[in-house]
Amino acid sequence: MTTVVALLLVGAGSLAYRLLPLLGAARVPEAVSRVAGWAGVSVLAAVMVRGVLHHHDRSIPWAVPVAVVALAVALAVAVRGRGILVVLGAGAGTYVALSTVIGVLT
């Protein structure tokens, strides 16, 4: 529930941040812009970490470590500046490959 509240607050803040220049403000202060950027990144990181740590899949042994490795690969690809489809493909491909290998070995 707190994740939903955080997403709603950041979404409302983002909307207000975008509407502010249209309503007559000449310029948004640099400090507000910096904090808004970090707030968005923080919420996205929290959603990813929570999703990975609460991942439950009984068909895959060691589902959480597999998800952590897949997320790490996706983040490494994203840091290199690749597009979102490449990042998602790398993460999903890693997850499927690791879960298949672990499933075969156990």
Protein backbone atom coordinates (compact mmCIF):
# COMPACT_ATOMS: atom_id res chain seq x y z
CA MET A 1 0.00 0.00 0.00
CA THR A 2 2.83 2.42 0.77
CA THR A 3 4.27 1.77 -2.69
CA VAL A 4 0.98 2.79 -4.28
CA VAL A 5 0.88 5.96 -2.17
CA ALA A 6 4.46 6.79 -3.16
CA LEU A 7 3.67 6.24 -6.84
CA LEU A 8 0.59 8.46 -6.61
CA LEU A 9 2.49 11.23 -4.82
CA VAL A 10 5.35 11.19 -7.31
CA GLY A 11 2.87 11.12 -10.19
CA ALA A 12 0.97 14.10 -8.77
CA GLY A 13 4.25 15.93 -8.19
CA SER A 14 5.37 15.19 -11.74
CA LEU A 15 2.08 16.50 -13.12
CA ALA A 16 2.34 19.66 -11.01
CA TYR A 17 5.96 20.10 -12.11
CA ARG A 18 4.91 19.96 -15.76
CA LEU A 19 1.90 22.24 -15.31
CA LEU A 20 3.75 24.90 -13.33
CA PRO A 21 5.44 26.54 -16.34
CA LEU A 22 2.11 26.60 -18.19
CA LEU A 23 0.42 28.42 -15.31
CA GLY A 24 2.76 31.40 -15.48
CA ALA A 25 5.87 30.48 -13.52
CA ALA A 26 8.86 31.81 -15.41
CA ARG A 27 11.23 29.07 -14.34
CA VAL A 28 11.36 26.18 -11.89
CA PRO A 29 14.25 26.57 -9.41
CA GLU A 30 17.21 24.25 -9.95
CA ALA A 31 16.89 22.71 -6.47
CA VAL A 32 13.25 21.73 -7.13
CA SER A 33 14.21 20.22 -10.46
CA ARG A 34 17.02 18.17 -8.89
CA VAL A 35 14.82 16.87 -6.05
CA ALA A 36 12.02 15.95 -8.47
CA GLY A 37 14.46 13.94 -10.58
CA TRP A 38 15.83 12.03 -7.59
CA ALA A 39 12.33 11.36 -6.24
CA GLY A 40 11.30 9.70 -9.49
CA VAL A 41 14.43 7.57 -9.66
CA SER A 42 14.05 6.60 -5.99
CA VAL A 43 10.48 5.40 -6.48
CA LEU A 44 11.46 3.36 -9.54
CA ALA A 45 14.35 1.77 -7.65
CA ALA A 46 12.09 0.96 -4.70
CA VAL A 47 9.49 -0.66 -6.97
CA MET A 48 12.18 -2.80 -8.65
CA VAL A 49 13.78 -3.91 -5.38
CA ARG A 50 10.42 -4.70 -3.79
CA GLY A 51 9.30 -6.65 -6.84
CA VAL A 52 12.45 -8.73 -6.93
CA LEU A 53 12.60 -9.46 -3.21
CA HIS A 54 8.92 -10.47 -3.09
CA HIS A 55 9.17 -12.61 -6.21
CA HIS A 56 7.67 -16.08 -5.63
CA ASP A 57 7.65 -18.75 -8.31
CA ARG A 58 7.37 -22.31 -7.07
CA SER A 59 8.28 -23.72 -10.47
CA ILE A 60 11.76 -22.16 -10.34
CA PRO A 61 14.21 -23.18 -7.63
CA TRP A 62 15.99 -20.14 -6.20
CA ALA A 63 13.60 -17.70 -7.88
CA VAL A 64 14.79 -14.63 -5.97
CA PRO A 65 18.52 -15.03 -6.81
CA VAL A 66 17.58 -15.65 -10.46
CA ALA A 67 15.49 -12.45 -10.45
CA VAL A 68 18.34 -10.51 -8.80
CA VAL A 69 20.82 -11.63 -11.47
CA ALA A 70 18.34 -10.81 -14.26
CA LEU A 71 17.75 -7.35 -12.78
CA ALA A 72 21.51 -6.77 -12.48
CA VAL A 73 22.00 -7.69 -16.14
CA ALA A 74 19.15 -5.39 -17.20
CA LEU A 75 20.57 -2.52 -15.15
CA ALA A 76 24.05 -3.07 -16.61
CA VAL A 77 22.60 -2.90 -20.13
CA ALA A 78 20.62 0.23 -19.21
CA VAL A 79 23.71 1.95 -17.82
CA ARG A 80 25.43 1.38 -21.15
CA GLY A 81 22.71 3.52 -22.73
CA ARG A 82 20.76 0.87 -24.62
CA GLY A 83 17.07 1.27 -25.45
CA ILE A 84 14.27 0.01 -23.25
CA LEU A 85 13.45 -2.93 -25.54
CA VAL A 86 17.06 -4.11 -25.41
CA VAL A 87 17.11 -3.71 -21.61
CA LEU A 88 13.86 -5.67 -21.22
CA GLY A 89 15.09 -8.34 -23.63
CA ALA A 90 18.37 -8.74 -21.76
CA GLY A 91 16.64 -9.00 -18.38
CA ALA A 92 13.92 -11.37 -19.56
CA GLY A 93 16.39 -13.47 -21.55
CA THR A 94 18.66 -13.80 -18.54
CA TYR A 95 15.73 -14.79 -16.33
CA VAL A 96 14.50 -17.44 -18.77
CA ALA A 97 17.98 -18.80 -19.43
CA LEU A 98 18.94 -19.03 -15.75
CA SER A 99 15.63 -20.53 -14.69
CA THR A 100 15.90 -23.12 -17.47
CA VAL A 101 19.47 -24.07 -16.55
CA ILE A 102 18.66 -24.29 -12.84
CA GLY A 103 15.49 -26.28 -13.60
CA VAL A 104 17.46 -28.79 -15.67
CA LEU A 105 20.23 -29.13 -13.08
CA THR A 106 17.91 -29.72 -10.13
